[in-house]
Amino acid sequence: MPSAAELTDGDLVLRPWSDEDARAVALTPASPEIGRYFGPAFGAPPAPDAEAPAFAIVAGGAPVGRIWCAAQKRPFEVGYFLRPEVWGRGLARRSLVLVRDFLLASGETSVVLCTHPENERSQRVAARAGFRPAGEIAEYARFGDGTTRALRFVYP
């Protein structure tokens, strides 16, 4: 897979994630709007996987979130989060489409996204980005609220 430089669809830019972006976005598992739907891996450094890109989601010139491919998972599994004050602007869907198309253009044949069963916002984002439901995973991960189940979505 080619290294990820920058992806854009106009005013939205995805660029390689950096430590400075983590400080600027400033979300943690303790963030009430975010923490419930993420587990302990949320704030952990990513496992080494040179082929799994991670991007800062930049809108209005400032990082407002992150979108990444989970390390050591194939087909690539995409995860993302945004600062709550930018929810509802289509940034998650647009970011997901950019990364999905980048992965497919790089030779991947499918892309996966998993959500907490009650994270209806993320499920709507997946549907709007063309992902389709593909079942449930009983023991996916321990989310912030203790849930271990996840809903799986795939593209195409």
Protein backbone atom coordinates (compact mmCIF):
# COMPACT_ATOMS: atom_id res chain seq x y z
CA MET A 1 0.00 0.00 0.00
CA PRO A 2 1.36 3.45 -0.81
CA SER A 3 2.10 5.68 2.15
CA ALA A 4 -0.70 8.05 2.98
CA ALA A 5 0.19 11.68 2.47
CA GLU A 6 -2.92 13.84 2.31
CA LEU A 7 -6.49 13.19 1.24
CA THR A 8 -8.97 15.97 0.58
CA ASP A 9 -12.40 16.69 -0.85
CA GLY A 10 -12.18 20.48 -0.75
CA ASP A 11 -12.43 22.08 2.67
CA LEU A 12 -11.90 18.76 4.48
CA VAL A 13 -8.32 17.52 4.73
CA LEU A 14 -7.01 14.23 6.08
CA ARG A 15 -3.29 14.27 6.79
CA PRO A 16 -1.03 11.87 8.65
CA TRP A 17 -1.76 11.85 12.40
CA SER A 18 0.83 13.28 14.78
CA ASP A 19 1.34 13.66 18.53
CA GLU A 20 0.49 17.36 18.17
CA ASP A 21 -2.90 16.38 16.73
CA ALA A 22 -3.62 14.26 19.81
CA ARG A 23 -3.09 17.30 22.03
CA ALA A 24 -5.16 19.55 19.75
CA VAL A 25 -8.11 17.17 19.49
CA ALA A 26 -7.91 16.55 23.27
CA LEU A 27 -10.38 13.68 23.57
CA THR A 28 -9.88 10.79 25.97
CA PRO A 29 -11.88 7.75 27.12
CA ALA A 30 -13.06 10.00 29.97
CA SER A 31 -14.86 12.27 27.48
CA PRO A 32 -18.52 11.43 28.20
CA GLU A 33 -19.69 11.76 24.60
CA ILE A 34 -16.88 9.57 23.33
CA GLY A 35 -15.72 7.23 26.11
CA ARG A 36 -18.79 5.02 26.19
CA TYR A 37 -18.21 3.80 22.65
CA PHE A 38 -14.47 3.15 22.92
CA GLY A 39 -12.44 0.77 25.00
CA PRO A 40 -8.99 1.01 26.58
CA ALA A 41 -7.29 1.07 23.15
CA PHE A 42 -8.76 4.55 22.52
CA GLY A 43 -5.85 6.44 24.06
CA ALA A 44 -3.19 3.77 23.66
CA PRO A 45 -0.41 4.17 21.11
CA PRO A 46 -1.19 2.20 17.97
CA ALA A 47 0.35 -1.23 17.53
CA PRO A 48 3.08 -1.22 14.90
CA ASP A 49 1.71 -1.75 11.41
CA ALA A 50 3.38 0.33 8.72
CA GLU A 51 0.54 -0.39 6.30
CA ALA A 52 -2.28 0.85 8.57
CA PRO A 53 -2.65 4.60 8.01
CA ALA A 54 -3.97 7.07 10.59
CA PHE A 55 -5.12 10.58 9.70
CA ALA A 56 -5.98 13.80 11.46
CA ILE A 57 -9.38 15.07 10.33
CA VAL A 58 -8.79 18.77 9.66
CA ALA A 59 -11.66 21.21 9.12
CA GLY A 60 -11.33 24.97 9.06
CA GLY A 61 -7.56 24.55 9.34
CA ALA A 62 -7.73 22.80 12.75
CA PRO A 63 -7.63 19.11 13.69
CA VAL A 64 -11.08 18.07 14.90
CA GLY A 65 -10.77 14.28 14.97
CA ARG A 66 -8.98 11.16 13.88
CA ILE A 67 -9.64 8.35 11.40
CA TRP A 68 -7.42 5.29 11.27
CA CYS A 69 -7.04 1.69 10.18
CA ALA A 70 -6.70 -0.78 13.02
CA ALA A 71 -3.27 -2.37 13.19
CA GLN A 72 -2.91 -6.02 12.27
CA LYS A 73 -6.48 -6.34 10.95
CA ARG A 74 -7.17 -7.35 7.37
CA PRO A 75 -9.30 -6.47 5.60
CA PHE A 76 -8.60 -3.03 7.00
CA GLU A 77 -10.95 -1.99 9.78
CA VAL A 78 -11.56 1.75 9.98
CA GLY A 79 -12.28 3.64 13.20
CA TYR A 80 -12.81 7.33 13.80
CA PHE A 81 -13.88 9.98 16.27
CA LEU A 82 -14.65 13.68 16.10
CA ARG A 83 -14.91 16.44 18.65
CA PRO A 84 -18.62 16.67 19.61
CA GLU A 85 -18.87 20.34 18.59
CA VAL A 86 -18.36 19.36 14.92
CA TRP A 87 -20.88 16.50 14.87
CA GLY A 88 -23.68 16.81 12.35
CA ARG A 89 -21.60 18.50 9.63
CA GLY A 90 -20.94 15.39 7.54
CA LEU A 91 -17.23 15.32 8.43
CA ALA A 92 -17.27 11.68 9.63
CA ARG A 93 -19.01 10.45 6.47
CA ARG A 94 -16.75 12.45 4.19
CA SER A 95 -13.64 11.25 6.04
CA LEU A 96 -14.81 7.65 5.88
CA VAL A 97 -15.44 7.92 2.13
CA LEU A 98 -11.99 9.43 1.54
CA VAL A 99 -10.24 6.67 3.49
CA ARG A 100 -12.44 3.94 2.00
CA ASP A 101 -11.67 5.14 -1.54
CA PHE A 102 -7.95 5.49 -0.73
CA LEU A 103 -7.82 1.88 0.54
CA LEU A 104 -9.72 0.52 -2.46
CA ALA A 105 -7.52 2.48 -4.90
CA SER A 106 -4.51 0.98 -3.10
CA GLY A 107 -5.65 -2.55 -3.94
CA GLU A 108 -7.85 -3.52 -0.99
CA THR A 109 -11.03 -5.36 -1.97
CA SER A 110 -13.13 -4.46 1.08
CA VAL A 111 -13.15 -2.22 4.13
CA VAL A 112 -14.69 -2.99 7.55
CA LEU A 113 -16.15 -0.74 10.25
CA CYS A 114 -17.36 -1.96 13.67
CA THR A 115 -19.52 0.00 16.09
CA HIS A 116 -20.88 -0.28 19.60
CA PRO A 117 -24.42 -1.73 19.22
CA GLU A 118 -25.98 1.47 20.60
CA ASN A 119 -23.83 3.93 18.63
CA GLU A 120 -26.58 4.84 16.20
CA ARG A 121 -24.72 7.95 14.97
CA SER A 122 -21.79 5.84 13.79
CA GLN A 123 -24.13 3.27 12.24
CA ARG A 124 -25.83 6.05 10.23
CA VAL A 125 -22.42 7.35 9.14
CA ALA A 126 -21.51 3.85 7.93
CA ALA A 127 -24.77 3.57 5.95
CA ARG A 128 -24.37 7.04 4.41
CA ALA A 129 -20.83 6.08 3.34
CA GLY A 130 -22.16 3.00 1.53
CA PHE A 131 -21.28 0.35 4.12
CA ARG A 132 -23.79 -2.44 4.65
CA PRO A 133 -24.55 -4.37 7.85
CA ALA A 134 -22.61 -7.65 8.06
CA GLY A 135 -23.63 -9.17 11.38
CA GLU A 136 -22.54 -8.96 14.97
CA ILE A 137 -19.32 -9.87 16.75
CA ALA A 138 -20.06 -11.23 20.24
CA GLU A 139 -16.58 -10.71 21.74
CA TYR A 140 -15.18 -7.73 19.86
CA ALA A 141 -13.61 -5.57 22.58
CA ARG A 142 -14.52 -4.15 25.97
CA PHE A 143 -16.09 -0.77 25.33
CA GLY A 144 -16.11 2.00 27.93
CA ASP A 145 -19.53 0.92 29.20
CA GLY A 146 -18.48 -2.75 29.52
CA THR A 147 -20.21 -3.95 26.35
CA THR A 148 -18.20 -6.51 24.36
CA ARG A 149 -20.52 -6.89 21.34
CA ALA A 150 -20.08 -4.91 18.13
CA LEU A 151 -22.02 -4.48 14.93
CA ARG A 152 -19.96 -5.07 11.79
CA PHE A 153 -20.32 -3.13 8.52
CA VAL A 154 -18.49 -3.78 5.24
CA TYR A 155 -17.88 -2.01 1.95
CA PRO A 156 -18.63 -3.00 -0.74
